Amino acid sequence: MTLKSIQEKLPGKEFIRIHRSYIIPLAKVEKFSKSKVYVSGKELPIGTSYTDVYDILLQRVKAG
């Protein structure tokens, strides 16, 4: 099973792919920058192909 097939089965509004190796639950994001996301105390990189992740996370914070 590929990460892409797993991503397709997850609710799109609750999870986001941030890297070719990582899909994260949005509810667990503690903080983020343009290149990193902190989830449950762990620092994860945002892949160069996923540059829209920062904007999506920022919009989510602004929306509350």
PDB file of N, CA and C in Angstrom:
ATOM      1  N   MET A   1       0.847  -1.171   0.000  1.00  0.00           N
ATOM      2  CA  MET A   1       0.000   0.000   0.000  1.00  0.00           C
ATOM      3  C   MET A   1       0.899   1.243   0.000  1.00  0.00           C
ATOM      4  N   THR A   2       0.608   2.171  -0.883  1.00  0.00           N
ATOM      5  CA  THR A   2       1.417   3.384  -0.986  1.00  0.00           C
ATOM      6  C   THR A   2       0.863   4.479  -0.080  1.00  0.00           C
ATOM      7  N   LEU A   3       1.690   5.472   0.185  1.00  0.00           N
ATOM      8  CA  LEU A   3       1.243   6.602   0.985  1.00  0.00           C
ATOM      9  C   LEU A   3       0.132   7.359   0.263  1.00  0.00           C
ATOM     10  N   LYS A   4       0.207   7.400  -1.052  1.00  0.00           N
ATOM     11  CA  LYS A   4      -0.837   8.062  -1.836  1.00  0.00           C
ATOM     12  C   LYS A   4      -2.180   7.355  -1.661  1.00  0.00           C
ATOM     13  N   SER A   5      -2.187   6.039  -1.671  1.00  0.00           N
ATOM     14  CA  SER A   5      -3.447   5.308  -1.498  1.00  0.00           C
ATOM     15  C   SER A   5      -3.996   5.483  -0.082  1.00  0.00           C
ATOM     16  N   ILE A   6      -3.109   5.588   0.888  1.00  0.00           N
ATOM     17  CA  ILE A   6      -3.547   5.853   2.263  1.00  0.00           C
ATOM     18  C   ILE A   6      -4.152   7.250   2.341  1.00  0.00           C
ATOM     19  N   GLN A   7      -3.495   8.218   1.723  1.00  0.00           N
ATOM     20  CA  GLN A   7      -3.978   9.594   1.731  1.00  0.00           C
ATOM     21  C   GLN A   7      -5.373   9.691   1.119  1.00  0.00           C
ATOM     22  N   GLU A   8      -5.623   8.947   0.072  1.00  0.00           N
ATOM     23  CA  GLU A   8      -6.926   8.967  -0.588  1.00  0.00           C
ATOM     24  C   GLU A   8      -8.030   8.433   0.310  1.00  0.00           C
ATOM     25  N   LYS A   9      -7.696   7.580   1.262  1.00  0.00           N
ATOM     26  CA  LYS A   9      -8.691   7.003   2.166  1.00  0.00           C
ATOM     27  C   LYS A   9      -8.950   7.870   3.400  1.00  0.00           C
ATOM     28  N   LEU A  10      -8.055   8.808   3.674  1.00  0.00           N
ATOM     29  CA  LEU A  10      -8.197   9.671   4.844  1.00  0.00           C
ATOM     30  C   LEU A  10      -9.093  10.864   4.526  1.00  0.00           C
ATOM     31  N   PRO A  11      -9.810  11.390   5.544  1.00  0.00           N
ATOM     32  CA  PRO A  11     -10.623  12.589   5.310  1.00  0.00           C
ATOM     33  C   PRO A  11      -9.725  13.781   4.978  1.00  0.00           C
ATOM     34  N   GLY A  12      -9.906  14.363   3.811  1.00  0.00           N
ATOM     35  CA  GLY A  12      -9.050  15.435   3.321  1.00  0.00           C
ATOM     36  C   GLY A  12      -9.030  16.684   4.177  1.00  0.00           C
ATOM     37  N   LYS A  13     -10.098  16.938   4.916  1.00  0.00           N
ATOM     38  CA  LYS A  13     -10.140  18.135   5.755  1.00  0.00           C
ATOM     39  C   LYS A  13      -9.441  17.928   7.088  1.00  0.00           C
ATOM     40  N   GLU A  14      -9.075  16.707   7.407  1.00  0.00           N
ATOM     41  CA  GLU A  14      -8.449  16.415   8.698  1.00  0.00           C
ATOM     42  C   GLU A  14      -6.970  16.064   8.591  1.00  0.00           C
ATOM     43  N   PHE A  15      -6.507  15.731   7.400  1.00  0.00           N
ATOM     44  CA  PHE A  15      -5.117  15.319   7.192  1.00  0.00           C
ATOM     45  C   PHE A  15      -4.520  16.076   6.015  1.00  0.00           C
ATOM     46  N   ILE A  16      -3.210  16.251   6.047  1.00  0.00           N
ATOM     47  CA  ILE A  16      -2.517  16.933   4.954  1.00  0.00           C
ATOM     48  C   ILE A  16      -1.165  16.267   4.730  1.00  0.00           C
ATOM     49  N   ARG A  17      -0.809  16.157   3.480  1.00  0.00           N
ATOM     50  CA  ARG A  17       0.505  15.601   3.144  1.00  0.00           C
ATOM     51  C   ARG A  17       1.507  16.742   3.111  1.00  0.00           C
ATOM     52  N   ILE A  18       2.596  16.596   3.859  1.00  0.00           N
ATOM     53  CA  ILE A  18       3.586  17.665   3.960  1.00  0.00           C
ATOM     54  C   ILE A  18       4.916  17.301   3.317  1.00  0.00           C
ATOM     55  N   HIS A  19       5.053  16.035   2.928  1.00  0.00           N
ATOM     56  CA  HIS A  19       6.336  15.523   2.442  1.00  0.00           C
ATOM     57  C   HIS A  19       6.034  14.196   1.764  1.00  0.00           C
ATOM     58  N   ARG A  20       6.902  13.729   0.929  1.00  0.00           N
ATOM     59  CA  ARG A  20       6.638  12.434   0.275  1.00  0.00           C
ATOM     60  C   ARG A  20       6.574  11.292   1.274  1.00  0.00           C
ATOM     61  N   SER A  21       7.070  11.521   2.484  1.00  0.00           N
ATOM     62  CA  SER A  21       7.078  10.478   3.514  1.00  0.00           C
ATOM     63  C   SER A  21       6.109  10.724   4.664  1.00  0.00           C
ATOM     64  N   TYR A  22       5.405  11.870   4.666  1.00  0.00           N
ATOM     65  CA  TYR A  22       4.574  12.213   5.823  1.00  0.00           C
ATOM     66  C   TYR A  22       3.187  12.719   5.446  1.00  0.00           C
ATOM     67  N   ILE A  23       2.191  12.176   6.125  1.00  0.00           N
ATOM     68  CA  ILE A  23       0.833  12.714   6.146  1.00  0.00           C
ATOM     69  C   ILE A  23       0.553  12.983   7.613  1.00  0.00           C
ATOM     70  N   ILE A  24       0.052  14.168   7.929  1.00  0.00           N
ATOM     71  CA  ILE A  24      -0.151  14.509   9.336  1.00  0.00           C
ATOM     72  C   ILE A  24      -1.610  14.873   9.616  1.00  0.00           C
ATOM     73  N   PRO A  25      -2.058  14.649  10.858  1.00  0.00           N
ATOM     74  CA  PRO A  25      -3.394  15.108  11.248  1.00  0.00           C
ATOM     75  C   PRO A  25      -3.328  16.600  11.581  1.00  0.00           C
ATOM     76  N   LEU A  26      -4.155  17.399  10.957  1.00  0.00           N
ATOM     77  CA  LEU A  26      -4.130  18.841  11.171  1.00  0.00           C
ATOM     78  C   LEU A  26      -4.378  19.212  12.628  1.00  0.00           C
ATOM     79  N   ALA A  27      -5.189  18.451  13.317  1.00  0.00           N
ATOM     80  CA  ALA A  27      -5.511  18.748  14.716  1.00  0.00           C
ATOM     81  C   ALA A  27      -4.307  18.619  15.641  1.00  0.00           C
ATOM     82  N   LYS A  28      -3.272  17.931  15.230  1.00  0.00           N
ATOM     83  CA  LYS A  28      -2.087  17.706  16.069  1.00  0.00           C
ATOM     84  C   LYS A  28      -0.945  18.681  15.790  1.00  0.00           C
ATOM     85  N   VAL A  29      -1.129  19.603  14.844  1.00  0.00           N
ATOM     86  CA  VAL A  29      -0.076  20.575  14.529  1.00  0.00           C
ATOM     87  C   VAL A  29       0.049  21.555  15.690  1.00  0.00           C
ATOM     88  N   GLU A  30       1.251  21.653  16.245  1.00  0.00           N
ATOM     89  CA  GLU A  30       1.508  22.547  17.372  1.00  0.00           C
ATOM     90  C   GLU A  30       2.033  23.901  16.903  1.00  0.00           C
ATOM     91  N   LYS A  31       2.949  23.885  15.944  1.00  0.00           N
ATOM     92  CA  LYS A  31       3.477  25.106  15.339  1.00  0.00           C
ATOM     93  C   LYS A  31       4.082  24.740  13.995  1.00  0.00           C
ATOM     94  N   PHE A  32       4.366  25.772  13.191  1.00  0.00           N
ATOM     95  CA  PHE A  32       4.899  25.510  11.857  1.00  0.00           C
ATOM     96  C   PHE A  32       5.632  26.730  11.329  1.00  0.00           C
ATOM     97  N   SER A  33       6.476  26.481  10.355  1.00  0.00           N
ATOM     98  CA  SER A  33       7.168  27.537   9.616  1.00  0.00           C
ATOM     99  C   SER A  33       7.077  27.155   8.143  1.00  0.00           C
ATOM    100  N   LYS A  34       7.752  27.879   7.290  1.00  0.00           N
ATOM    101  CA  LYS A  34       7.692  27.552   5.855  1.00  0.00           C
ATOM    102  C   LYS A  34       8.376  26.238   5.520  1.00  0.00           C
ATOM    103  N   SER A  35       9.251  25.766   6.399  1.00  0.00           N
ATOM    104  CA  SER A  35       9.998  24.545   6.089  1.00  0.00           C
ATOM    105  C   SER A  35       9.799  23.403   7.078  1.00  0.00           C
ATOM    106  N   LYS A  36       9.092  23.658   8.195  1.00  0.00           N
ATOM    107  CA  LYS A  36       8.930  22.625   9.225  1.00  0.00           C
ATOM    108  C   LYS A  36       7.541  22.677   9.845  1.00  0.00           C
ATOM    109  N   VAL A  37       7.107  21.519  10.332  1.00  0.00           N
ATOM    110  CA  VAL A  37       5.861  21.410  11.086  1.00  0.00           C
ATOM    111  C   VAL A  37       6.187  20.630  12.354  1.00  0.00           C
ATOM    112  N   TYR A  38       5.613  21.064  13.457  1.00  0.00           N
ATOM    113  CA  TYR A  38       5.805  20.361  14.725  1.00  0.00           C
ATOM    114  C   TYR A  38       4.502  19.666  15.078  1.00  0.00           C
ATOM    115  N   VAL A  39       4.567  18.340  15.179  1.00  0.00           N
ATOM    116  CA  VAL A  39       3.403  17.513  15.455  1.00  0.00           C
ATOM    117  C   VAL A  39       3.723  16.631  16.654  1.00  0.00           C
ATOM    118  N   SER A  40       2.935  16.771  17.698  1.00  0.00           N
ATOM    119  CA  SER A  40       3.118  15.965  18.912  1.00  0.00           C
ATOM    120  C   SER A  40       4.570  15.973  19.389  1.00  0.00           C
ATOM    121  N   GLY A  41       5.182  17.149  19.376  1.00  0.00           N
ATOM    122  CA  GLY A  41       6.545  17.303  19.866  1.00  0.00           C
ATOM    123  C   GLY A  41       7.648  16.910  18.898  1.00  0.00           C
ATOM    124  N   LYS A  42       7.291  16.467  17.702  1.00  0.00           N
ATOM    125  CA  LYS A  42       8.299  16.064  16.716  1.00  0.00           C
ATOM    126  C   LYS A  42       8.372  17.081  15.585  1.00  0.00           C
ATOM    127  N   GLU A  43       9.587  17.373  15.168  1.00  0.00           N
ATOM    128  CA  GLU A  43       9.815  18.285  14.053  1.00  0.00           C
ATOM    129  C   GLU A  43       9.837  17.487  12.753  1.00  0.00           C
ATOM    130  N   LEU A  44       8.975  17.874  11.811  1.00  0.00           N
ATOM    131  CA  LEU A  44       8.905  17.200  10.516  1.00  0.00           C
ATOM    132  C   LEU A  44       9.154  18.218   9.409  1.00  0.00           C
ATOM    133  N   PRO A  45       9.890  17.831   8.372  1.00  0.00           N
ATOM    134  CA  PRO A  45      10.157  18.767   7.275  1.00  0.00           C
ATOM    135  C   PRO A  45       8.963  18.891   6.335  1.00  0.00           C
ATOM    136  N   ILE A  46       8.812  20.068   5.758  1.00  0.00           N
ATOM    137  CA  ILE A  46       7.850  20.257   4.672  1.00  0.00           C
ATOM    138  C   ILE A  46       8.639  20.090   3.381  1.00  0.00           C
ATOM    139  N   GLY A  47       8.247  19.146   2.558  1.00  0.00           N
ATOM    140  CA  GLY A  47       8.962  18.863   1.314  1.00  0.00           C
ATOM    141  C   GLY A  47       8.884  20.011   0.322  1.00  0.00           C
ATOM    142  N   THR A  48       9.883  20.120  -0.511  1.00  0.00           N
ATOM    143  CA  THR A  48       9.931  21.207  -1.493  1.00  0.00           C
ATOM    144  C   THR A  48       8.784  21.139  -2.500  1.00  0.00           C
ATOM    145  N   SER A  49       8.210  19.977  -2.700  1.00  0.00           N
ATOM    146  CA  SER A  49       7.067  19.831  -3.610  1.00  0.00           C
ATOM    147  C   SER A  49       5.749  20.219  -2.950  1.00  0.00           C
ATOM    148  N   TYR A  50       5.786  20.506  -1.654  1.00  0.00           N
ATOM    149  CA  TYR A  50       4.568  20.782  -0.891  1.00  0.00           C
ATOM    150  C   TYR A  50       4.579  22.210  -0.353  1.00  0.00           C
ATOM    151  N   THR A  51       4.946  23.158  -1.201  1.00  0.00           N
ATOM    152  CA  THR A  51       5.070  24.551  -0.780  1.00  0.00           C
ATOM    153  C   THR A  51       3.734  25.171  -0.383  1.00  0.00           C
ATOM    154  N   ASP A  52       2.622  24.613  -0.833  1.00  0.00           N
ATOM    155  CA  ASP A  52       1.305  25.146  -0.474  1.00  0.00           C
ATOM    156  C   ASP A  52       0.905  24.804   0.955  1.00  0.00           C
ATOM    157  N   VAL A  53       1.606  23.891   1.604  1.00  0.00           N
ATOM    158  CA  VAL A  53       1.276  23.463   2.967  1.00  0.00           C
ATOM    159  C   VAL A  53       1.298  24.645   3.932  1.00  0.00           C
ATOM    160  N   TYR A  54       2.314  25.484   3.844  1.00  0.00           N
ATOM    161  CA  TYR A  54       2.418  26.632   4.748  1.00  0.00           C
ATOM    162  C   TYR A  54       1.179  27.515   4.622  1.00  0.00           C
ATOM    163  N   ASP A  55       0.763  27.818   3.401  1.00  0.00           N
ATOM    164  CA  ASP A  55      -0.410  28.668   3.186  1.00  0.00           C
ATOM    165  C   ASP A  55      -1.678  28.017   3.720  1.00  0.00           C
ATOM    166  N   ILE A  56      -1.812  26.721   3.535  1.00  0.00           N
ATOM    167  CA  ILE A  56      -2.979  25.994   4.036  1.00  0.00           C
ATOM    168  C   ILE A  56      -3.016  26.041   5.561  1.00  0.00           C
ATOM    169  N   LEU A  57      -1.879  25.804   6.202  1.00  0.00           N
ATOM    170  CA  LEU A  57      -1.817  25.852   7.664  1.00  0.00           C
ATOM    171  C   LEU A  57      -2.097  27.261   8.171  1.00  0.00           C
ATOM    172  N   LEU A  58      -1.575  28.262   7.495  1.00  0.00           N
ATOM    173  CA  LEU A  58      -1.796  29.648   7.891  1.00  0.00           C
ATOM    174  C   LEU A  58      -3.278  30.012   7.779  1.00  0.00           C
ATOM    175  N   GLN A  59      -3.931  29.599   6.715  1.00  0.00           N
ATOM    176  CA  GLN A  59      -5.365  29.854   6.549  1.00  0.00           C
ATOM    177  C   GLN A  59      -6.166  29.175   7.650  1.00  0.00           C
ATOM    178  N   ARG A  60      -5.759  27.984   8.021  1.00  0.00           N
ATOM    179  CA  ARG A  60      -6.456  27.248   9.082  1.00  0.00           C
ATOM    180  C   ARG A  60      -6.349  27.983  10.417  1.00  0.00           C
ATOM    181  N   VAL A  61      -5.167  28.527  10.708  1.00  0.00           N
ATOM    182  CA  VAL A  61      -4.972  29.278  11.950  1.00  0.00           C
ATOM    183  C   VAL A  61      -5.831  30.545  11.946  1.00  0.00           C
ATOM    184  N   LYS A  62      -5.865  31.235  10.823  1.00  0.00           N
ATOM    185  CA  LYS A  62      -6.653  32.466  10.722  1.00  0.00           C
ATOM    186  C   LYS A  62      -8.146  32.188  10.855  1.00  0.00           C
ATOM    187  N   ALA A  63      -8.586  31.040  10.351  1.00  0.00           N
ATOM    188  CA  ALA A  63     -10.003  30.678  10.413  1.00  0.00           C
ATOM    189  C   ALA A  63     -10.417  30.242  11.818  1.00  0.00           C
ATOM    190  N   GLY A  64      -9.442  29.859  12.618  1.00  0.00           N
ATOM    191  CA  GLY A  64      -9.736  29.451  13.993  1.00  0.00           C
ATOM    192  C   GLY A  64      -9.909  28.028  14.074  1.00  0.00           C
TER     193      GLY A  64
END
